[in-house]
C-alpha atoms as a PDB file:
ATOM      1  CA  MET A   1      -0.042   0.021   0.000  1.00  0.00           C
ATOM      2  CA  THR A   2       1.596   3.230  -1.093  1.00  0.00           C
ATOM      3  CA  VAL A   3       0.769   6.753   0.151  1.00  0.00           C
ATOM      4  CA  ALA A   4      -1.989   8.798  -1.400  1.00  0.00           C
ATOM      5  CA  ALA A   5      -2.313  12.463  -1.671  1.00  0.00           C
ATOM      6  CA  GLY A   6      -4.112  14.028   1.211  1.00  0.00           C
ATOM      7  CA  THR A   7      -3.527  11.150   3.609  1.00  0.00           C
ATOM      8  CA  PRO A   8      -1.042  11.044   6.492  1.00  0.00           C
ATOM      9  CA  VAL A   9       2.400   9.473   5.607  1.00  0.00           C
ATOM     10  CA  ALA A  10       3.323   6.728   8.058  1.00  0.00           C
ATOM     11  CA  ASP A  11       6.434   7.622  10.119  1.00  0.00           C
ATOM     12  CA  PHE A  12       9.629   6.268   8.902  1.00  0.00           C
ATOM     13  CA  SER A  13      13.301   6.175  10.041  1.00  0.00           C
ATOM     14  CA  ALA A  14      16.288   5.472   7.836  1.00  0.00           C
ATOM     15  CA  ALA A  15      20.119   5.976   7.843  1.00  0.00           C
ATOM     16  CA  SER A  16      21.194   9.173   6.206  1.00  0.00           C
ATOM     17  CA  THR A  17      24.421  11.043   5.570  1.00  0.00           C
ATOM     18  CA  GLN A  18      23.475  13.213   8.570  1.00  0.00           C
ATOM     19  CA  GLY A  19      22.485  10.412  10.938  1.00  0.00           C
ATOM     20  CA  ASP A  20      19.043   8.842  11.433  1.00  0.00           C
ATOM     21  CA  PHE A  21      16.480  10.569   9.468  1.00  0.00           C
ATOM     22  CA  SER A  22      12.708  10.285  10.451  1.00  0.00           C
ATOM     23  CA  LEU A  23       9.521  11.903   9.254  1.00  0.00           C
ATOM     24  CA  SER A  24       8.408  12.575  12.871  1.00  0.00           C
ATOM     25  CA  ALA A  25      11.578  14.639  13.552  1.00  0.00           C
ATOM     26  CA  HIS A  26      10.546  17.101  10.822  1.00  0.00           C
ATOM     27  CA  ARG A  27       6.879  17.594  11.892  1.00  0.00           C
ATOM     28  CA  GLY A  28       5.950  21.206  11.615  1.00  0.00           C
ATOM     29  CA  ARG A  29       7.901  21.769   8.373  1.00  0.00           C
ATOM     30  CA  ALA A  30       7.322  20.595   4.858  1.00  0.00           C
ATOM     31  CA  LEU A  31       9.518  17.823   3.722  1.00  0.00           C
ATOM     32  CA  VAL A  32      10.601  17.287   0.126  1.00  0.00           C
ATOM     33  CA  LEU A  33      11.726  13.684  -0.584  1.00  0.00           C
ATOM     34  CA  TYR A  34      13.178  13.112  -3.998  1.00  0.00           C
ATOM     35  CA  PHE A  35      13.770   9.505  -5.017  1.00  0.00           C
ATOM     36  CA  TYR A  36      16.451   8.984  -7.687  1.00  0.00           C
ATOM     37  CA  PRO A  37      18.005   5.876  -9.303  1.00  0.00           C
ATOM     38  CA  LYS A  38      21.700   6.109  -8.623  1.00  0.00           C
ATOM     39  CA  ASP A  39      24.543   8.308  -7.253  1.00  0.00           C
ATOM     40  CA  ASN A  40      27.020   9.743  -9.811  1.00  0.00           C
ATOM     41  CA  THR A  41      24.845   9.233 -12.895  1.00  0.00           C
ATOM     42  CA  PRO A  42      24.153  12.224 -15.177  1.00  0.00           C
ATOM     43  CA  GLY A  43      20.405  12.833 -14.513  1.00  0.00           C
ATOM     44  CA  CYS A  44      20.742  12.181 -10.686  1.00  0.00           C
ATOM     45  CA  THR A  45      23.780  14.499 -10.519  1.00  0.00           C
ATOM     46  CA  ASN A  46      21.826  17.249 -12.328  1.00  0.00           C
ATOM     47  CA  GLU A  47      18.650  16.801 -10.200  1.00  0.00           C
ATOM     48  CA  SER A  48      20.754  16.802  -6.989  1.00  0.00           C
ATOM     49  CA  ALA A  49      22.614  19.960  -8.095  1.00  0.00           C
ATOM     50  CA  ASP A  50      19.291  21.742  -8.922  1.00  0.00           C
ATOM     51  CA  PHE A  51      17.827  20.958  -5.407  1.00  0.00           C
ATOM     52  CA  ARG A  52      21.363  22.118  -4.007  1.00  0.00           C
ATOM     53  CA  ASP A  53      21.147  25.457  -5.958  1.00  0.00           C
ATOM     54  CA  LEU A  54      17.678  26.203  -4.636  1.00  0.00           C
ATOM     55  CA  HIS A  55      18.306  24.868  -1.113  1.00  0.00           C
ATOM     56  CA  ALA A  56      18.430  28.292   0.543  1.00  0.00           C
ATOM     57  CA  GLU A  57      14.999  29.184  -1.053  1.00  0.00           C
ATOM     58  CA  PHE A  58      13.559  25.810   0.176  1.00  0.00           C
ATOM     59  CA  GLU A  59      14.772  26.664   3.627  1.00  0.00           C
ATOM     60  CA  GLN A  60      13.228  30.185   3.354  1.00  0.00           C
ATOM     61  CA  ALA A  61       9.935  28.374   2.490  1.00  0.00           C
ATOM     62  CA  GLY A  62      10.165  26.389   5.595  1.00  0.00           C
ATOM     63  CA  ALA A  63      10.942  23.177   3.880  1.00  0.00           C
ATOM     64  CA  VAL A  64      13.414  20.300   4.557  1.00  0.00           C
ATOM     65  CA  VAL A  65      14.912  18.529   1.548  1.00  0.00           C
ATOM     66  CA  ALA A  66      16.281  15.054   1.467  1.00  0.00           C
ATOM     67  CA  GLY A  67      17.268  12.713  -1.469  1.00  0.00           C
ATOM     68  CA  VAL A  68      16.697   8.928  -1.375  1.00  0.00           C
ATOM     69  CA  SER A  69      18.225   6.066  -3.343  1.00  0.00           C
ATOM     70  CA  ARG A  70      19.368   2.487  -2.747  1.00  0.00           C
ATOM     71  CA  ASP A  71      22.995   3.457  -2.794  1.00  0.00           C
ATOM     72  CA  SER A  72      25.083   2.811   0.350  1.00  0.00           C
ATOM     73  CA  LEU A  73      25.939   5.638   2.800  1.00  0.00           C
ATOM     74  CA  ARG A  74      29.557   5.419   1.635  1.00  0.00           C
ATOM     75  CA  SER A  75      28.407   6.153  -1.874  1.00  0.00           C
ATOM     76  CA  HIS A  76      26.041   8.944  -0.693  1.00  0.00           C
ATOM     77  CA  ASP A  77      28.862  10.495   1.349  1.00  0.00           C
ATOM     78  CA  GLY A  78      31.089  10.716  -1.786  1.00  0.00           C
ATOM     79  CA  PHE A  79      28.297  11.993  -3.991  1.00  0.00           C
ATOM     80  CA  ARG A  80      27.203  14.594  -1.407  1.00  0.00           C
ATOM     81  CA  SER A  81      30.814  15.756  -0.938  1.00  0.00           C
ATOM     82  CA  LYS A  82      31.597  15.790  -4.740  1.00  0.00           C
ATOM     83  CA  LEU A  83      28.333  18.055  -5.250  1.00  0.00           C
ATOM     84  CA  GLY A  84      28.488  20.057  -2.070  1.00  0.00           C
ATOM     85  CA  LEU A  85      24.999  19.039  -1.221  1.00  0.00           C
ATOM     86  CA  PRO A  86      23.812  20.887   1.971  1.00  0.00           C
ATOM     87  CA  PHE A  87      20.862  18.248   2.720  1.00  0.00           C
ATOM     88  CA  PRO A  88      20.997  14.627   3.748  1.00  0.00           C
ATOM     89  CA  LEU A  89      20.871  11.769   1.357  1.00  0.00           C
ATOM     90  CA  ILE A  90      18.974   8.681   2.680  1.00  0.00           C
ATOM     91  CA  SER A  91      20.229   5.278   2.145  1.00  0.00           C
ATOM     92  CA  ASP A  92      17.269   2.859   1.274  1.00  0.00           C
ATOM     93  CA  ALA A  93      19.295  -0.269   0.612  1.00  0.00           C
ATOM     94  CA  ASP A  94      16.436  -2.529   1.932  1.00  0.00           C
ATOM     95  CA  GLU A  95      13.901  -0.548  -0.299  1.00  0.00           C
ATOM     96  CA  ALA A  96      11.601   0.070   2.699  1.00  0.00           C
ATOM     97  CA  LEU A  97      10.972   3.742   1.776  1.00  0.00           C
ATOM     98  CA  CYS A  98      10.877   2.837  -1.982  1.00  0.00           C
ATOM     99  CA  ALA A  99       8.044   0.359  -1.048  1.00  0.00           C
ATOM    100  CA  GLN A 100       6.232   2.865   1.129  1.00  0.00           C
ATOM    101  CA  PHE A 101       6.243   5.412  -1.714  1.00  0.00           C
ATOM    102  CA  GLY A 102       5.851   2.904  -4.579  1.00  0.00           C
ATOM    103  CA  VAL A 103       8.797   4.069  -6.529  1.00  0.00           C
ATOM    104  CA  ILE A 104      10.317   0.646  -7.640  1.00  0.00           C
ATOM    105  CA  LYS A 105       9.420   0.063 -11.337  1.00  0.00           C
ATOM    106  CA  MET A 106      10.664  -2.077 -14.250  1.00  0.00           C
ATOM    107  CA  LYS A 107      12.484   0.056 -16.578  1.00  0.00           C
ATOM    108  CA  ASN A 108      14.322  -0.199 -19.922  1.00  0.00           C
ATOM    109  CA  MET A 109      18.108   0.112 -19.681  1.00  0.00           C
ATOM    110  CA  TYR A 110      20.034  -0.446 -22.969  1.00  0.00           C
ATOM    111  CA  GLY A 111      17.208  -2.665 -24.253  1.00  0.00           C
ATOM    112  CA  LYS A 112      17.050  -4.768 -21.034  1.00  0.00           C
ATOM    113  CA  GLN A 113      14.343  -4.846 -18.489  1.00  0.00           C
ATOM    114  CA  VAL A 114      15.745  -3.750 -15.048  1.00  0.00           C
ATOM    115  CA  ARG A 115      14.130  -3.101 -11.690  1.00  0.00           C
ATOM    116  CA  GLY A 116      14.916   0.256 -10.437  1.00  0.00           C
ATOM    117  CA  ILE A 117      13.747   3.574  -8.832  1.00  0.00           C
ATOM    118  CA  GLU A 118      11.391   5.757 -10.978  1.00  0.00           C
ATOM    119  CA  ARG A 119      12.527   9.270 -10.499  1.00  0.00           C
ATOM    120  CA  SER A 120       9.886  10.664  -8.118  1.00  0.00           C
ATOM    121  CA  THR A 121       9.338  13.507  -5.664  1.00  0.00           C
ATOM    122  CA  PHE A 122       6.969  13.809  -2.740  1.00  0.00           C
ATOM    123  CA  VAL A 123       6.078  16.871  -0.728  1.00  0.00           C
ATOM    124  CA  ILE A 124       4.753  15.992   2.857  1.00  0.00           C
ATOM    125  CA  ASP A 125       3.132  19.078   4.538  1.00  0.00           C
ATOM    126  CA  ALA A 126       3.839  20.226   8.116  1.00  0.00           C
ATOM    127  CA  THR A 127       1.124  17.957   9.464  1.00  0.00           C
ATOM    128  CA  GLY A 128       2.595  14.872   7.983  1.00  0.00           C
ATOM    129  CA  LYS A 129       0.128  14.495   5.085  1.00  0.00           C
ATOM    130  CA  LEU A 130       1.176  13.832   1.568  1.00  0.00           C
ATOM    131  CA  ALA A 131       0.565  17.251  -0.208  1.00  0.00           C
ATOM    132  CA  ARG A 132       1.752  16.400  -3.799  1.00  0.00           C
ATOM    133  CA  GLU A 133       3.672  13.805  -5.678  1.00  0.00           C
ATOM    134  CA  TRP A 134       5.468  13.842  -9.046  1.00  0.00           C
ATOM    135  CA  ARG A 135       6.365  10.464 -10.794  1.00  0.00           C
ATOM    136  CA  GLY A 136       8.352   9.836 -13.800  1.00  0.00           C
ATOM    137  CA  VAL A 137      10.122  13.076 -13.268  1.00  0.00           C
ATOM    138  CA  LYS A 138      12.004  14.860 -16.029  1.00  0.00           C
ATOM    139  CA  VAL A 139      14.919  16.792 -14.387  1.00  0.00           C
ATOM    140  CA  PRO A 140      15.075  20.145 -16.201  1.00  0.00           C
ATOM    141  CA  GLY A 141      12.998  22.694 -14.243  1.00  0.00           C
ATOM    142  CA  HIS A 142      11.720  20.143 -11.730  1.00  0.00           C
ATOM    143  CA  ALA A 143      13.344  21.453  -8.471  1.00  0.00           C
ATOM    144  CA  ALA A 144      12.004  24.998  -9.393  1.00  0.00           C
ATOM    145  CA  GLU A 145       8.417  23.558  -9.926  1.00  0.00           C
ATOM    146  CA  VAL A 146       8.655  21.732  -6.461  1.00  0.00           C
ATOM    147  CA  LEU A 147       9.934  25.013  -4.861  1.00  0.00           C
ATOM    148  CA  ALA A 148       6.834  26.932  -6.312  1.00  0.00           C
ATOM    149  CA  PHE A 149       4.568  24.209  -4.967  1.00  0.00           C
ATOM    150  CA  VAL A 150       6.239  24.471  -1.460  1.00  0.00           C
ATOM    151  CA  ARG A 151       5.849  28.178  -1.490  1.00  0.00           C
ATOM    152  CA  SER A 152       2.089  27.724  -2.123  1.00  0.00           C
ATOM    153  CA  LEU A 153       1.533  25.605   1.091  1.00  0.00           C
END
């Protein structure tokens, strides 16, 4: 059962590059969770850089940003350091968060079917309800669109 817009998101806790990360610890602020396929790949690098470049504006709007993929914390630490990301990256190696948000899909990769994360973003409002979701995200302009939505909350 995945989350639906307008409904409360079940609390979760996961390891991140800034220690344990939980939904309940961010109650009272909007939370932007962006799921991406893999550290150090072109689309994921561009998407993370876009969220980085708008990070101060997300903070001004009262929102917390966190990236999520199945990569290890070690991989995340390197990726975060390389890009100078000011927000945590969550390691979802066991796919618990991926399952909660329903982002694992079969995708075509070089003509082969592979199981992976569909690039998706979720905004959880200050009360813990899912305010909006984007699935099958195209990177150009996406972070700015999410920021505009967060400002409208």
